[in-house]
Amino acid sequence: MSYVPVVLQSITTTAIVTGTIFAVLAYLRGARIHREAVNAQIFLNLTQRHADLIEFRKLEARNGLEEAFDGDLAIAAIVRDYFDLLHQEFNLASVRMLDDSVWALWQGDIRRTVCTRLVREVWHERTRLYYRSSPAFRAYIEGMMPRESSPSNGHSGRSVRVLVAHSAV
């Protein structure tokens, strides 16, 4: 009885299994690298779009976000542009097209901006109803605002945990 065919078969099987494992690992590594590149591109794109909100940046630079909203429709449009971009970012995070770590990184600046007097007042007086078809976004925004900033809207003022909530989507 010759053991050569059995040994060759064993070596061949081991080589096939090892090759398959290496192929799967290479594929997974490539997929991870691709995902990181996509996340970086999304991050850069959204960061640039935020920087392109020139008029909003001017308001922010002159501390205009702390001023009361006087009904100026041009100012309302500038703030609405900010909310439009934020809504897009929120939706990307909700469907996991924006990495959780990137979304978490932006939360401090978003909260700081949304809690400014001008942004809160424009939200309640001119913008909130525009997002009536996106109750999750409205809850997210209003969850960051101080409770007293949302008069008679029935909102409890509790913070919305988007990073947890969107993982169920």
N, C-alpha and C. Protein backbone atom coordinates (compact mmCIF):
# COMPACT_ATOMS: atom_id res chain seq x y z
N MET A 1 0.84 -1.17 0.00
CA MET A 1 0.00 0.00 0.00
C MET A 1 0.89 1.24 0.00
N SER A 2 0.61 2.14 -0.91
CA SER A 2 1.43 3.33 -1.07
C SER A 2 0.74 4.54 -0.44
N TYR A 3 1.53 5.26 0.33
CA TYR A 3 1.00 6.45 0.99
C TYR A 3 1.21 7.71 0.16
N VAL A 4 1.88 7.62 -0.94
CA VAL A 4 2.19 8.78 -1.78
C VAL A 4 0.92 9.47 -2.27
N PRO A 5 -0.07 8.76 -2.84
CA PRO A 5 -1.28 9.45 -3.30
C PRO A 5 -2.04 10.12 -2.15
N VAL A 6 -2.07 9.51 -0.99
CA VAL A 6 -2.76 10.09 0.17
C VAL A 6 -2.04 11.35 0.62
N VAL A 7 -0.72 11.31 0.67
CA VAL A 7 0.07 12.48 1.06
C VAL A 7 -0.12 13.60 0.05
N LEU A 8 -0.07 13.28 -1.23
CA LEU A 8 -0.26 14.29 -2.28
C LEU A 8 -1.66 14.91 -2.20
N GLN A 9 -2.64 14.07 -1.96
CA GLN A 9 -4.01 14.58 -1.83
C GLN A 9 -4.12 15.49 -0.61
N SER A 10 -3.49 15.13 0.48
CA SER A 10 -3.50 15.93 1.69
C SER A 10 -2.81 17.28 1.46
N ILE A 11 -1.68 17.25 0.78
CA ILE A 11 -0.95 18.49 0.47
C ILE A 11 -1.78 19.38 -0.45
N THR A 12 -2.41 18.78 -1.44
CA THR A 12 -3.24 19.53 -2.38
C THR A 12 -4.42 20.18 -1.66
N THR A 13 -5.08 19.42 -0.81
CA THR A 13 -6.21 19.95 -0.05
C THR A 13 -5.77 21.09 0.86
N THR A 14 -4.65 20.93 1.53
CA THR A 14 -4.12 21.98 2.41
C THR A 14 -3.80 23.23 1.60
N ALA A 15 -3.20 23.06 0.43
CA ALA A 15 -2.86 24.20 -0.42
C ALA A 15 -4.12 24.92 -0.89
N ILE A 16 -5.15 24.17 -1.25
CA ILE A 16 -6.41 24.78 -1.70
C ILE A 16 -7.06 25.57 -0.56
N VAL A 17 -7.13 24.97 0.61
CA VAL A 17 -7.73 25.64 1.77
C VAL A 17 -6.93 26.88 2.14
N THR A 18 -5.61 26.77 2.18
CA THR A 18 -4.75 27.91 2.52
C THR A 18 -4.92 29.02 1.48
N GLY A 19 -4.93 28.66 0.21
CA GLY A 19 -5.11 29.65 -0.86
C GLY A 19 -6.45 30.35 -0.75
N THR A 20 -7.48 29.59 -0.44
CA THR A 20 -8.82 30.17 -0.28
C THR A 20 -8.85 31.15 0.89
N ILE A 21 -8.24 30.76 1.99
CA ILE A 21 -8.19 31.65 3.17
C ILE A 21 -7.46 32.94 2.83
N PHE A 22 -6.31 32.84 2.15
CA PHE A 22 -5.57 34.05 1.77
C PHE A 22 -6.37 34.91 0.80
N ALA A 23 -7.09 34.29 -0.12
CA ALA A 23 -7.92 35.05 -1.06
C ALA A 23 -9.02 35.80 -0.34
N VAL A 24 -9.68 35.15 0.61
CA VAL A 24 -10.74 35.81 1.39
C VAL A 24 -10.16 36.95 2.21
N LEU A 25 -9.03 36.73 2.86
CA LEU A 25 -8.40 37.79 3.65
C LEU A 25 -8.00 38.98 2.78
N ALA A 26 -7.47 38.70 1.60
CA ALA A 26 -7.09 39.77 0.67
C ALA A 26 -8.32 40.56 0.23
N TYR A 27 -9.41 39.84 -0.05
CA TYR A 27 -10.65 40.50 -0.45
C TYR A 27 -11.16 41.40 0.68
N LEU A 28 -11.19 40.88 1.90
CA LEU A 28 -11.66 41.67 3.04
C LEU A 28 -10.80 42.90 3.28
N ARG A 29 -9.49 42.74 3.14
CA ARG A 29 -8.59 43.88 3.30
C ARG A 29 -8.85 44.93 2.22
N GLY A 30 -9.02 44.46 0.98
CA GLY A 30 -9.32 45.38 -0.12
C GLY A 30 -10.63 46.11 0.09
N ALA A 31 -11.64 45.38 0.59
CA ALA A 31 -12.93 46.00 0.86
C ALA A 31 -12.80 47.06 1.96
N ARG A 32 -12.01 46.77 3.00
CA ARG A 32 -11.81 47.73 4.08
C ARG A 32 -11.10 48.99 3.57
N ILE A 33 -10.08 48.79 2.76
CA ILE A 33 -9.34 49.93 2.20
C ILE A 33 -10.26 50.77 1.32
N HIS A 34 -11.08 50.11 0.52
CA HIS A 34 -12.03 50.83 -0.34
C HIS A 34 -13.01 51.63 0.52
N ARG A 35 -13.55 51.02 1.56
CA ARG A 35 -14.51 51.69 2.44
C ARG A 35 -13.86 52.90 3.11
N GLU A 36 -12.62 52.77 3.56
CA GLU A 36 -11.92 53.90 4.17
C GLU A 36 -11.72 55.03 3.17
N ALA A 37 -11.41 54.69 1.92
CA ALA A 37 -11.23 55.70 0.89
C ALA A 37 -12.55 56.41 0.59
N VAL A 38 -13.64 55.65 0.54
CA VAL A 38 -14.96 56.25 0.31
C VAL A 38 -15.32 57.17 1.47
N ASN A 39 -15.09 56.72 2.71
CA ASN A 39 -15.38 57.55 3.88
C ASN A 39 -14.57 58.84 3.84
N ALA A 40 -13.31 58.75 3.46
CA ALA A 40 -12.46 59.94 3.38
C ALA A 40 -13.00 60.90 2.33
N GLN A 41 -13.43 60.37 1.20
CA GLN A 41 -13.97 61.22 0.13
C GLN A 41 -15.27 61.90 0.57
N ILE A 42 -16.15 61.16 1.22
CA ILE A 42 -17.40 61.74 1.72
C ILE A 42 -17.08 62.83 2.74
N PHE A 43 -16.16 62.55 3.65
CA PHE A 43 -15.77 63.53 4.66
C PHE A 43 -15.25 64.80 4.00
N LEU A 44 -14.34 64.66 3.04
CA LEU A 44 -13.77 65.83 2.37
C LEU A 44 -14.83 66.60 1.60
N ASN A 45 -15.72 65.88 0.93
CA ASN A 45 -16.78 66.52 0.16
C ASN A 45 -17.71 67.33 1.06
N LEU A 46 -18.16 66.72 2.14
CA LEU A 46 -19.08 67.42 3.04
C LEU A 46 -18.39 68.57 3.77
N THR A 47 -17.14 68.39 4.13
CA THR A 47 -16.38 69.46 4.78
C THR A 47 -16.24 70.64 3.82
N GLN A 48 -15.96 70.36 2.56
CA GLN A 48 -15.85 71.43 1.57
C GLN A 48 -17.19 72.13 1.36
N ARG A 49 -18.26 71.35 1.28
CA ARG A 49 -19.59 71.94 1.11
C ARG A 49 -19.95 72.83 2.29
N HIS A 50 -19.53 72.43 3.48
CA HIS A 50 -19.78 73.26 4.66
C HIS A 50 -18.96 74.55 4.56
N ALA A 51 -17.72 74.44 4.14
CA ALA A 51 -16.87 75.63 3.97
C ALA A 51 -17.42 76.55 2.89
N ASP A 52 -18.12 75.98 1.90
CA ASP A 52 -18.69 76.78 0.81
C ASP A 52 -19.91 77.61 1.23
N LEU A 53 -20.41 77.38 2.42
CA LEU A 53 -21.52 78.20 2.92
C LEU A 53 -20.95 79.55 3.37
N ILE A 54 -20.46 80.31 2.41
CA ILE A 54 -19.71 81.54 2.68
C ILE A 54 -20.51 82.52 3.54
N GLU A 55 -21.76 82.75 3.18
CA GLU A 55 -22.56 83.72 3.93
C GLU A 55 -22.79 83.25 5.37
N PHE A 56 -22.95 81.95 5.54
CA PHE A 56 -23.10 81.42 6.90
C PHE A 56 -21.81 81.63 7.68
N ARG A 57 -20.68 81.40 7.03
CA ARG A 57 -19.37 81.60 7.67
C ARG A 57 -19.20 83.07 8.07
N LYS A 58 -19.67 83.99 7.21
CA LYS A 58 -19.56 85.42 7.55
C LYS A 58 -20.40 85.75 8.78
N LEU A 59 -21.61 85.20 8.84
CA LEU A 59 -22.46 85.40 10.03
C LEU A 59 -21.76 84.88 11.27
N GLU A 60 -21.21 83.70 11.15
CA GLU A 60 -20.52 83.06 12.27
C GLU A 60 -19.30 83.88 12.70
N ALA A 61 -18.55 84.38 11.72
CA ALA A 61 -17.32 85.12 12.02
C ALA A 61 -17.59 86.42 12.76
N ARG A 62 -18.69 87.07 12.45
CA ARG A 62 -18.99 88.34 13.13
C ARG A 62 -19.91 88.13 14.33
N ASN A 63 -19.98 86.90 14.79
CA ASN A 63 -20.79 86.53 15.96
C ASN A 63 -22.27 86.79 15.73
N GLY A 64 -22.67 86.79 14.46
CA GLY A 64 -24.06 87.06 14.11
C GLY A 64 -25.02 85.95 14.50
N LEU A 65 -24.50 84.78 14.78
CA LEU A 65 -25.38 83.67 15.17
C LEU A 65 -25.95 83.87 16.56
N GLU A 66 -25.38 84.79 17.32
CA GLU A 66 -25.89 85.07 18.67
C GLU A 66 -26.93 86.19 18.66
N GLU A 67 -27.14 86.81 17.50
CA GLU A 67 -28.12 87.89 17.40
C GLU A 67 -29.53 87.32 17.28
N ALA A 68 -30.52 88.16 17.60
CA ALA A 68 -31.91 87.76 17.44
C ALA A 68 -32.27 87.78 15.95
N PHE A 69 -33.19 86.91 15.57
CA PHE A 69 -33.68 86.89 14.19
C PHE A 69 -34.69 88.01 14.03
N ASP A 70 -34.43 88.90 13.06
CA ASP A 70 -35.30 90.06 12.86
C ASP A 70 -36.29 89.87 11.71
N GLY A 71 -36.40 88.66 11.20
CA GLY A 71 -37.34 88.39 10.12
C GLY A 71 -36.74 88.54 8.73
N ASP A 72 -35.48 88.91 8.63
CA ASP A 72 -34.81 89.10 7.35
C ASP A 72 -34.79 87.77 6.58
N LEU A 73 -35.46 87.75 5.42
CA LEU A 73 -35.55 86.51 4.64
C LEU A 73 -34.21 86.08 4.07
N ALA A 74 -33.31 87.02 3.81
CA ALA A 74 -31.98 86.66 3.32
C ALA A 74 -31.21 85.90 4.40
N ILE A 75 -31.34 86.35 5.63
CA ILE A 75 -30.68 85.65 6.75
C ILE A 75 -31.31 84.28 6.93
N ALA A 76 -32.63 84.21 6.83
CA ALA A 76 -33.32 82.92 6.96
C ALA A 76 -32.84 81.95 5.89
N ALA A 77 -32.62 82.44 4.67
CA ALA A 77 -32.15 81.57 3.58
C ALA A 77 -30.74 81.06 3.85
N ILE A 78 -29.90 81.90 4.43
CA ILE A 78 -28.53 81.50 4.77
C ILE A 78 -28.56 80.38 5.81
N VAL A 79 -29.38 80.55 6.83
CA VAL A 79 -29.48 79.53 7.88
C VAL A 79 -30.12 78.26 7.31
N ARG A 80 -31.09 78.43 6.43
CA ARG A 80 -31.74 77.26 5.81
C ARG A 80 -30.73 76.46 4.99
N ASP A 81 -29.81 77.12 4.31
CA ASP A 81 -28.75 76.41 3.58
C ASP A 81 -27.95 75.52 4.53
N TYR A 82 -27.68 76.04 5.73
CA TYR A 82 -26.96 75.24 6.72
C TYR A 82 -27.79 74.01 7.10
N PHE A 83 -29.07 74.21 7.36
CA PHE A 83 -29.92 73.08 7.72
C PHE A 83 -30.05 72.08 6.57
N ASP A 84 -30.08 72.56 5.34
CA ASP A 84 -30.15 71.64 4.20
C ASP A 84 -28.93 70.73 4.16
N LEU A 85 -27.75 71.31 4.34
CA LEU A 85 -26.53 70.50 4.36
C LEU A 85 -26.54 69.54 5.56
N LEU A 86 -26.95 70.03 6.70
CA LEU A 86 -27.02 69.19 7.89
C LEU A 86 -28.01 68.05 7.69
N HIS A 87 -29.12 68.32 7.02
CA HIS A 87 -30.11 67.27 6.74
C HIS A 87 -29.51 66.19 5.85
N GLN A 88 -28.74 66.59 4.85
CA GLN A 88 -28.07 65.61 3.99
C GLN A 88 -27.07 64.77 4.79
N GLU A 89 -26.31 65.42 5.64
CA GLU A 89 -25.35 64.69 6.48
C GLU A 89 -26.08 63.72 7.41
N PHE A 90 -27.17 64.17 8.00
CA PHE A 90 -27.97 63.33 8.89
C PHE A 90 -28.47 62.09 8.14
N ASN A 91 -28.98 62.30 6.93
CA ASN A 91 -29.48 61.17 6.15
C ASN A 91 -28.36 60.20 5.78
N LEU A 92 -27.20 60.71 5.43
CA LEU A 92 -26.06 59.83 5.13
C LEU A 92 -25.65 59.03 6.35
N ALA A 93 -25.66 59.67 7.51
CA ALA A 93 -25.32 58.95 8.75
C ALA A 93 -26.39 57.91 9.08
N SER A 94 -27.64 58.25 8.81
CA SER A 94 -28.74 57.34 9.14
C SER A 94 -28.71 56.05 8.34
N VAL A 95 -28.23 56.12 7.10
CA VAL A 95 -28.16 54.92 6.27
C VAL A 95 -26.74 54.36 6.22
N ARG A 96 -25.91 54.85 7.13
CA ARG A 96 -24.54 54.38 7.31
C ARG A 96 -23.63 54.62 6.09
N MET A 97 -23.93 55.66 5.33
CA MET A 97 -23.02 56.05 4.25
C MET A 97 -21.97 57.03 4.76
N LEU A 98 -22.20 57.54 5.96
CA LEU A 98 -21.23 58.41 6.63
C LEU A 98 -20.78 57.66 7.87
N ASP A 99 -19.51 57.48 7.99
CA ASP A 99 -18.95 56.70 9.09
C ASP A 99 -19.36 57.28 10.45
N ASP A 100 -19.68 56.39 11.38
CA ASP A 100 -20.07 56.81 12.73
C ASP A 100 -19.04 57.71 13.39
N SER A 101 -17.76 57.42 13.19
CA SER A 101 -16.72 58.22 13.83
C SER A 101 -16.68 59.63 13.26
N VAL A 102 -16.94 59.78 11.97
CA VAL A 102 -16.98 61.11 11.35
C VAL A 102 -18.20 61.87 11.88
N TRP A 103 -19.34 61.21 11.90
CA TRP A 103 -20.57 61.84 12.39
C TRP A 103 -20.39 62.27 13.85
N ALA A 104 -19.80 61.41 14.65
CA ALA A 104 -19.57 61.74 16.06
C ALA A 104 -18.61 62.93 16.19
N LEU A 105 -17.62 63.00 15.32
CA LEU A 105 -16.65 64.09 15.33
C LEU A 105 -17.34 65.45 15.13
N TRP A 106 -18.36 65.48 14.31
CA TRP A 106 -19.05 66.73 13.99
C TRP A 106 -20.09 67.15 15.02
N GLN A 107 -20.48 66.26 15.93
CA GLN A 107 -21.60 66.55 16.83
C GLN A 107 -21.39 67.78 17.70
N GLY A 108 -20.19 68.01 18.18
CA GLY A 108 -19.95 69.19 19.02
C GLY A 108 -20.21 70.49 18.28
N ASP A 109 -19.68 70.61 17.06
CA ASP A 109 -19.89 71.83 16.27
C ASP A 109 -21.35 71.98 15.87
N ILE A 110 -21.99 70.87 15.52
CA ILE A 110 -23.40 70.94 15.15
C ILE A 110 -24.22 71.43 16.34
N ARG A 111 -24.00 70.83 17.49
CA ARG A 111 -24.74 71.23 18.70
C ARG A 111 -24.50 72.71 19.02
N ARG A 112 -23.25 73.13 18.97
CA ARG A 112 -22.92 74.53 19.27
C ARG A 112 -23.66 75.47 18.32
N THR A 113 -23.68 75.13 17.04
CA THR A 113 -24.32 75.98 16.03
C THR A 113 -25.83 75.98 16.19
N VAL A 114 -26.42 74.81 16.35
CA VAL A 114 -27.87 74.69 16.46
C VAL A 114 -28.39 75.40 17.71
N CYS A 115 -27.58 75.50 18.73
CA CYS A 115 -28.00 76.13 19.99
C CYS A 115 -27.82 77.64 20.00
N THR A 116 -27.28 78.23 18.92
CA THR A 116 -27.15 79.69 18.89
C THR A 116 -28.53 80.31 18.72
N ARG A 117 -28.65 81.53 19.18
CA ARG A 117 -29.96 82.21 19.18
C ARG A 117 -30.54 82.33 17.77
N LEU A 118 -29.75 82.86 16.83
CA LEU A 118 -30.26 83.08 15.48
C LEU A 118 -30.71 81.76 14.84
N VAL A 119 -29.90 80.74 14.94
CA VAL A 119 -30.23 79.45 14.31
C VAL A 119 -31.49 78.86 14.94
N ARG A 120 -31.59 78.92 16.25
CA ARG A 120 -32.80 78.40 16.94
C ARG A 120 -34.04 79.16 16.48
N GLU A 121 -33.95 80.49 16.44
CA GLU A 121 -35.11 81.29 16.07
C GLU A 121 -35.51 81.08 14.62
N VAL A 122 -34.54 81.01 13.72
CA VAL A 122 -34.86 80.75 12.31
C VAL A 122 -35.48 79.36 12.18
N TRP A 123 -34.95 78.39 12.93
CA TRP A 123 -35.52 77.04 12.89
C TRP A 123 -37.01 77.07 13.24
N HIS A 124 -37.34 77.71 14.35
CA HIS A 124 -38.73 77.69 14.82
C HIS A 124 -39.64 78.60 14.00
N GLU A 125 -39.13 79.73 13.52
CA GLU A 125 -39.98 80.68 12.81
C GLU A 125 -40.08 80.43 11.31
N ARG A 126 -39.03 79.87 10.69
CA ARG A 126 -39.02 79.79 9.24
C ARG A 126 -38.68 78.42 8.65
N THR A 127 -38.05 77.55 9.39
CA THR A 127 -37.46 76.36 8.78
C THR A 127 -38.08 75.05 9.24
N ARG A 128 -38.51 74.97 10.46
CA ARG A 128 -38.96 73.71 11.05
C ARG A 128 -39.99 72.98 10.19
N LEU A 129 -41.00 73.71 9.73
CA LEU A 129 -42.07 73.07 8.95
C LEU A 129 -41.58 72.53 7.61
N TYR A 130 -40.51 73.11 7.10
CA TYR A 130 -39.94 72.63 5.84
C TYR A 130 -39.52 71.16 5.96
N TYR A 131 -39.17 70.73 7.15
CA TYR A 131 -38.70 69.35 7.37
C TYR A 131 -39.79 68.46 7.99
N ARG A 132 -41.05 68.80 7.78
CA ARG A 132 -42.13 67.99 8.36
C ARG A 132 -42.14 66.57 7.81
N SER A 133 -41.58 66.35 6.64
CA SER A 133 -41.52 64.99 6.08
C SER A 133 -40.33 64.20 6.62
N SER A 134 -39.56 64.81 7.50
CA SER A 134 -38.40 64.15 8.09
C SER A 134 -38.46 64.28 9.62
N PRO A 135 -39.40 63.56 10.25
CA PRO A 135 -39.55 63.70 11.70
C PRO A 135 -38.30 63.30 12.48
N ALA A 136 -37.53 62.36 11.98
CA ALA A 136 -36.30 61.96 12.68
C ALA A 136 -35.30 63.11 12.70
N PHE A 137 -35.19 63.83 11.58
CA PHE A 137 -34.28 64.98 11.53
C PHE A 137 -34.77 66.08 12.47
N ARG A 138 -36.07 66.35 12.45
CA ARG A 138 -36.61 67.37 13.35
C ARG A 138 -36.34 67.00 14.81
N ALA A 139 -36.54 65.74 15.15
CA ALA A 139 -36.28 65.30 16.53
C ALA A 139 -34.80 65.45 16.87
N TYR A 140 -33.94 65.14 15.91
CA TYR A 140 -32.50 65.27 16.12
C TYR A 140 -32.14 66.73 16.41
N ILE A 141 -32.62 67.66 15.56
CA ILE A 141 -32.31 69.08 15.74
C ILE A 141 -32.89 69.59 17.05
N GLU A 142 -34.15 69.32 17.29
CA GLU A 142 -34.81 69.85 18.48
C GLU A 142 -34.31 69.17 19.75
N GLY A 143 -33.77 67.98 19.61
CA GLY A 143 -33.18 67.31 20.77
C GLY A 143 -31.91 67.97 21.25
N MET A 144 -31.26 68.73 20.38
CA MET A 144 -30.05 69.45 20.77
C MET A 144 -30.35 70.81 21.37
N MET A 145 -31.50 71.37 21.02
CA MET A 145 -31.83 72.72 21.46
C MET A 145 -32.28 72.72 22.91
N PRO A 146 -31.98 73.82 23.60
CA PRO A 146 -32.49 73.94 24.97
C PRO A 146 -34.01 73.85 24.96
N ARG A 147 -34.56 73.27 25.97
CA ARG A 147 -36.01 73.03 26.03
C ARG A 147 -36.81 74.32 25.85
N GLU A 148 -36.37 75.40 26.46
CA GLU A 148 -37.12 76.65 26.38
C GLU A 148 -37.09 77.26 24.98
N SER A 149 -36.25 76.74 24.08
CA SER A 149 -36.16 77.33 22.74
C SER A 149 -37.21 76.78 21.80
N SER A 150 -38.02 75.83 22.26
CA SER A 150 -39.04 75.26 21.38
C SER A 150 -40.42 75.44 22.00
N PRO A 151 -40.90 76.68 22.02
CA PRO A 151 -42.16 76.97 22.68
C PRO A 151 -43.35 76.26 22.04
N SER A 152 -44.18 75.72 22.87
CA SER A 152 -45.45 75.10 22.50
C SER A 152 -45.38 74.11 21.34
N ASN A 153 -44.27 73.43 21.19
CA ASN A 153 -44.23 72.42 20.14
C ASN A 153 -44.36 71.02 20.71
N GLY A 154 -44.48 70.92 22.02
CA GLY A 154 -44.68 69.62 22.64
C GLY A 154 -43.43 68.78 22.73
N HIS A 155 -42.31 69.32 22.34
CA HIS A 155 -41.07 68.54 22.39
C HIS A 155 -40.56 68.49 23.82
N SER A 156 -40.11 67.35 24.24
CA SER A 156 -39.69 67.16 25.62
C SER A 156 -38.32 67.75 25.92
N GLY A 157 -37.54 68.08 24.90
CA GLY A 157 -36.21 68.62 25.12
C GLY A 157 -35.16 67.56 25.35
N ARG A 158 -35.53 66.28 25.28
CA ARG A 158 -34.56 65.22 25.48
C ARG A 158 -33.63 65.13 24.28
N SER A 159 -32.42 64.74 24.53
CA SER A 159 -31.43 64.58 23.47
C SER A 159 -31.71 63.31 22.69
N VAL A 160 -31.54 63.39 21.39
CA VAL A 160 -31.74 62.23 20.53
C VAL A 160 -30.40 61.57 20.27
N ARG A 161 -30.31 60.28 20.49
CA ARG A 161 -29.06 59.54 20.29
C ARG A 161 -29.06 58.99 18.87
N VAL A 162 -28.66 59.82 17.90
CA VAL A 162 -28.69 59.42 16.50
C VAL A 162 -27.78 58.25 16.23
N LEU A 163 -26.61 58.23 16.84
CA LEU A 163 -25.68 57.15 16.55
C LEU A 163 -26.27 55.80 16.93
N VAL A 164 -27.10 55.76 17.95
CA VAL A 164 -27.75 54.52 18.33
C VAL A 164 -28.98 54.31 17.46
N ALA A 165 -29.76 55.39 17.27
CA ALA A 165 -31.02 55.26 16.54
C ALA A 165 -30.80 54.86 15.09
N HIS A 166 -29.79 55.40 14.43
CA HIS A 166 -29.66 55.08 13.01
C HIS A 166 -29.06 53.71 12.77
N SER A 167 -28.55 53.07 13.81
CA SER A 167 -28.02 51.73 13.60
C SER A 167 -29.13 50.71 13.41
N ALA A 168 -30.35 51.08 13.78
CA ALA A 168 -31.49 50.17 13.60
C ALA A 168 -32.10 50.32 12.22
N VAL A 169 -31.68 51.33 11.46
CA VAL A 169 -32.24 51.58 10.13
C VAL A 169 -31.80 50.51 9.17
